[in-house]
């Protein structure tokens, strides 16, 4: 269970926008109220345009900056929150298998040569 922390953390993470793409290059800063978060955890984060929420995305924690305080708010200007921590540790492997399955379905039923798996490398455990 995701424990809610009384003093939230500030974290840096990179988002994964599609199943067949690697993590994005841009690093985002989020307010994280979950107490048991650590580096390399997968999270569900709120995505905003400007200051308006517009959806959710999955991301991977790159760094835990520290507990939220006035200095960190002024330095990083976080506007979004982490919603939840994903329980699965093999998220990238699951994405890879999903892309393979999707490509087989498209080839079989639609006759399309849809195989983005050719463009991505297999996730090594």
C-alpha atoms as a PDB file:
ATOM      1  CA  UNK A   1       0.000   0.000   0.000  1.00  0.00           C
ATOM      2  CA  UNK A   2       1.230   3.497  -0.781  1.00  0.00           C
ATOM      3  CA  UNK A   3       1.668   5.304   2.511  1.00  0.00           C
ATOM      4  CA  UNK A   4       0.901   9.023   2.456  1.00  0.00           C
ATOM      5  CA  UNK A   5       3.743  11.063   3.930  1.00  0.00           C
ATOM      6  CA  UNK A   6       3.011  14.065   6.156  1.00  0.00           C
ATOM      7  CA  UNK A   7       5.992  15.984   4.742  1.00  0.00           C
ATOM      8  CA  UNK A   8       6.008  15.386   0.953  1.00  0.00           C
ATOM      9  CA  UNK A   9       9.192  14.780  -1.037  1.00  0.00           C
ATOM     10  CA  UNK A  10      10.380  16.473  -4.176  1.00  0.00           C
ATOM     11  CA  UNK A  11      11.500  14.011  -6.860  1.00  0.00           C
ATOM     12  CA  UNK A  12      12.897  14.104 -10.383  1.00  0.00           C
ATOM     13  CA  UNK A  13      11.584  11.629 -12.933  1.00  0.00           C
ATOM     14  CA  UNK A  14      11.431  10.933 -16.643  1.00  0.00           C
ATOM     15  CA  UNK A  15       8.128  10.016 -18.256  1.00  0.00           C
ATOM     16  CA  UNK A  16       7.310   7.141 -20.592  1.00  0.00           C
ATOM     17  CA  UNK A  17       4.757   8.440 -23.088  1.00  0.00           C
ATOM     18  CA  UNK A  18       4.222   5.302 -25.220  1.00  0.00           C
ATOM     19  CA  UNK A  19       4.743   1.577 -24.764  1.00  0.00           C
ATOM     20  CA  UNK A  20       7.246   1.271 -27.608  1.00  0.00           C
ATOM     21  CA  UNK A  21       9.399   4.290 -26.768  1.00  0.00           C
ATOM     22  CA  UNK A  22      12.195   4.651 -24.244  1.00  0.00           C
ATOM     23  CA  UNK A  23      11.892   7.064 -21.366  1.00  0.00           C
ATOM     24  CA  UNK A  24      11.829  10.693 -22.413  1.00  0.00           C
ATOM     25  CA  UNK A  25      14.958  12.790 -22.139  1.00  0.00           C
ATOM     26  CA  UNK A  26      13.340  15.651 -20.236  1.00  0.00           C
ATOM     27  CA  UNK A  27      13.455  15.435 -16.449  1.00  0.00           C
ATOM     28  CA  UNK A  28      10.365  16.615 -14.571  1.00  0.00           C
ATOM     29  CA  UNK A  29      10.087  17.601 -10.912  1.00  0.00           C
ATOM     30  CA  UNK A  30       7.078  16.338  -8.936  1.00  0.00           C
ATOM     31  CA  UNK A  31       5.737  16.661  -5.422  1.00  0.00           C
ATOM     32  CA  UNK A  32       5.528  13.146  -4.007  1.00  0.00           C
ATOM     33  CA  UNK A  33       3.350  12.479  -0.941  1.00  0.00           C
ATOM     34  CA  UNK A  34       4.230   8.744  -0.929  1.00  0.00           C
ATOM     35  CA  UNK A  35       6.592   7.750   1.875  1.00  0.00           C
ATOM     36  CA  UNK A  36       8.124   4.534   0.529  1.00  0.00           C
ATOM     37  CA  UNK A  37       9.313   5.935  -2.817  1.00  0.00           C
ATOM     38  CA  UNK A  38      12.894   5.314  -3.942  1.00  0.00           C
ATOM     39  CA  UNK A  39      15.103   5.679  -7.017  1.00  0.00           C
ATOM     40  CA  UNK A  40      14.105   3.532 -10.035  1.00  0.00           C
ATOM     41  CA  UNK A  41      10.498   3.082  -8.831  1.00  0.00           C
ATOM     42  CA  UNK A  42       7.742   3.426 -11.429  1.00  0.00           C
ATOM     43  CA  UNK A  43       5.097   6.028 -10.613  1.00  0.00           C
ATOM     44  CA  UNK A  44       1.859   7.439 -11.989  1.00  0.00           C
ATOM     45  CA  UNK A  45       2.132  11.207 -12.191  1.00  0.00           C
ATOM     46  CA  UNK A  46      -0.220  14.023 -13.034  1.00  0.00           C
ATOM     47  CA  UNK A  47       0.612  15.747 -16.327  1.00  0.00           C
ATOM     48  CA  UNK A  48      -0.154  19.434 -16.721  1.00  0.00           C
ATOM     49  CA  UNK A  49      -0.157  22.021 -19.471  1.00  0.00           C
ATOM     50  CA  UNK A  50       0.797  25.252 -17.808  1.00  0.00           C
ATOM     51  CA  UNK A  51      -0.777  24.829 -14.397  1.00  0.00           C
ATOM     52  CA  UNK A  52      -3.859  22.965 -15.628  1.00  0.00           C
ATOM     53  CA  UNK A  53      -4.013  19.160 -15.149  1.00  0.00           C
ATOM     54  CA  UNK A  54      -4.616  17.326 -18.418  1.00  0.00           C
ATOM     55  CA  UNK A  55      -3.981  13.648 -17.676  1.00  0.00           C
ATOM     56  CA  UNK A  56      -1.656  11.018 -16.247  1.00  0.00           C
ATOM     57  CA  UNK A  57       1.602   9.452 -17.333  1.00  0.00           C
ATOM     58  CA  UNK A  58       3.901   6.722 -16.088  1.00  0.00           C
ATOM     59  CA  UNK A  59       7.422   7.697 -15.115  1.00  0.00           C
ATOM     60  CA  UNK A  60      10.561   6.376 -13.494  1.00  0.00           C
ATOM     61  CA  UNK A  61      12.101   8.093 -10.463  1.00  0.00           C
ATOM     62  CA  UNK A  62      15.562   9.421 -11.312  1.00  0.00           C
ATOM     63  CA  UNK A  63      16.392  11.206  -8.073  1.00  0.00           C
ATOM     64  CA  UNK A  64      14.881  12.094  -4.720  1.00  0.00           C
ATOM     65  CA  UNK A  65      15.736  15.736  -4.124  1.00  0.00           C
ATOM     66  CA  UNK A  66      14.547  15.985  -0.535  1.00  0.00           C
ATOM     67  CA  UNK A  67      11.659  16.992   1.673  1.00  0.00           C
ATOM     68  CA  UNK A  68       9.557  19.836   0.369  1.00  0.00           C
ATOM     69  CA  UNK A  69      10.462  23.250   1.749  1.00  0.00           C
ATOM     70  CA  UNK A  70      10.337  26.886   0.625  1.00  0.00           C
ATOM     71  CA  UNK A  71      13.846  26.885  -0.877  1.00  0.00           C
ATOM     72  CA  UNK A  72      13.160  23.827  -3.031  1.00  0.00           C
ATOM     73  CA  UNK A  73       9.823  25.247  -4.182  1.00  0.00           C
ATOM     74  CA  UNK A  74      11.516  28.471  -5.279  1.00  0.00           C
ATOM     75  CA  UNK A  75      14.307  26.553  -7.027  1.00  0.00           C
ATOM     76  CA  UNK A  76      12.291  23.895  -8.918  1.00  0.00           C
ATOM     77  CA  UNK A  77       8.722  25.332  -9.166  1.00  0.00           C
ATOM     78  CA  UNK A  78       6.886  21.964  -9.036  1.00  0.00           C
ATOM     79  CA  UNK A  79       3.281  22.109 -10.220  1.00  0.00           C
ATOM     80  CA  UNK A  80       2.292  18.438 -10.389  1.00  0.00           C
ATOM     81  CA  UNK A  81       1.873  15.532  -7.997  1.00  0.00           C
ATOM     82  CA  UNK A  82       2.711  11.861  -7.956  1.00  0.00           C
ATOM     83  CA  UNK A  83      -0.583   9.955  -7.756  1.00  0.00           C
ATOM     84  CA  UNK A  84       0.632   6.417  -7.024  1.00  0.00           C
ATOM     85  CA  UNK A  85       3.600   4.082  -7.031  1.00  0.00           C
ATOM     86  CA  UNK A  86       3.307   1.112  -9.417  1.00  0.00           C
ATOM     87  CA  UNK A  87       3.688  -2.257  -7.741  1.00  0.00           C
ATOM     88  CA  UNK A  88       5.311  -4.041 -10.705  1.00  0.00           C
ATOM     89  CA  UNK A  89       9.082  -3.945 -11.109  1.00  0.00           C
ATOM     90  CA  UNK A  90       9.060  -5.351 -14.665  1.00  0.00           C
ATOM     91  CA  UNK A  91       7.136  -2.491 -16.272  1.00  0.00           C
ATOM     92  CA  UNK A  92       9.538  -2.089 -19.235  1.00  0.00           C
ATOM     93  CA  UNK A  93       9.406  -5.828 -19.965  1.00  0.00           C
ATOM     94  CA  UNK A  94       5.603  -5.692 -19.908  1.00  0.00           C
ATOM     95  CA  UNK A  95       5.642  -2.791 -22.376  1.00  0.00           C
ATOM     96  CA  UNK A  96       7.930  -4.765 -24.690  1.00  0.00           C
ATOM     97  CA  UNK A  97       5.675  -7.837 -24.584  1.00  0.00           C
ATOM     98  CA  UNK A  98       2.628  -5.649 -25.247  1.00  0.00           C
ATOM     99  CA  UNK A  99       4.236  -4.203 -28.375  1.00  0.00           C
ATOM    100  CA  UNK A 100       5.091  -7.690 -29.666  1.00  0.00           C
ATOM    101  CA  UNK A 101       1.547  -8.926 -29.083  1.00  0.00           C
ATOM    102  CA  UNK A 102       0.068  -5.852 -30.756  1.00  0.00           C
ATOM    103  CA  UNK A 103       2.303  -6.293 -33.807  1.00  0.00           C
ATOM    104  CA  UNK A 104       1.223  -9.950 -34.168  1.00  0.00           C
ATOM    105  CA  UNK A 105      -2.459  -8.987 -33.936  1.00  0.00           C
ATOM    106  CA  UNK A 106      -2.109  -6.216 -36.523  1.00  0.00           C
ATOM    107  CA  UNK A 107      -0.210  -8.486 -38.928  1.00  0.00           C
ATOM    108  CA  UNK A 108      -2.679 -11.366 -38.553  1.00  0.00           C
ATOM    109  CA  UNK A 109      -5.985  -9.516 -38.687  1.00  0.00           C
ATOM    110  CA  UNK A 110      -5.194  -6.395 -40.698  1.00  0.00           C
ATOM    111  CA  UNK A 111      -2.244  -7.480 -42.838  1.00  0.00           C
ATOM    112  CA  UNK A 112      -0.235  -4.488 -41.633  1.00  0.00           C
ATOM    113  CA  UNK A 113       3.489  -4.679 -41.146  1.00  0.00           C
ATOM    114  CA  UNK A 114       3.204  -2.956 -37.799  1.00  0.00           C
ATOM    115  CA  UNK A 115       6.227  -3.839 -35.726  1.00  0.00           C
ATOM    116  CA  UNK A 116       7.667  -1.036 -33.634  1.00  0.00           C
ATOM    117  CA  UNK A 117       9.467  -3.818 -31.734  1.00  0.00           C
ATOM    118  CA  UNK A 118      12.021  -3.739 -34.564  1.00  0.00           C
ATOM    119  CA  UNK A 119      12.894  -0.211 -33.475  1.00  0.00           C
ATOM    120  CA  UNK A 120      13.300  -0.921 -29.769  1.00  0.00           C
ATOM    121  CA  UNK A 121      15.789  -3.076 -27.965  1.00  0.00           C
ATOM    122  CA  UNK A 122      14.696  -5.980 -25.802  1.00  0.00           C
ATOM    123  CA  UNK A 123      14.770  -5.155 -22.129  1.00  0.00           C
ATOM    124  CA  UNK A 124      17.516  -7.066 -20.385  1.00  0.00           C
ATOM    125  CA  UNK A 125      16.810  -8.272 -16.881  1.00  0.00           C
END
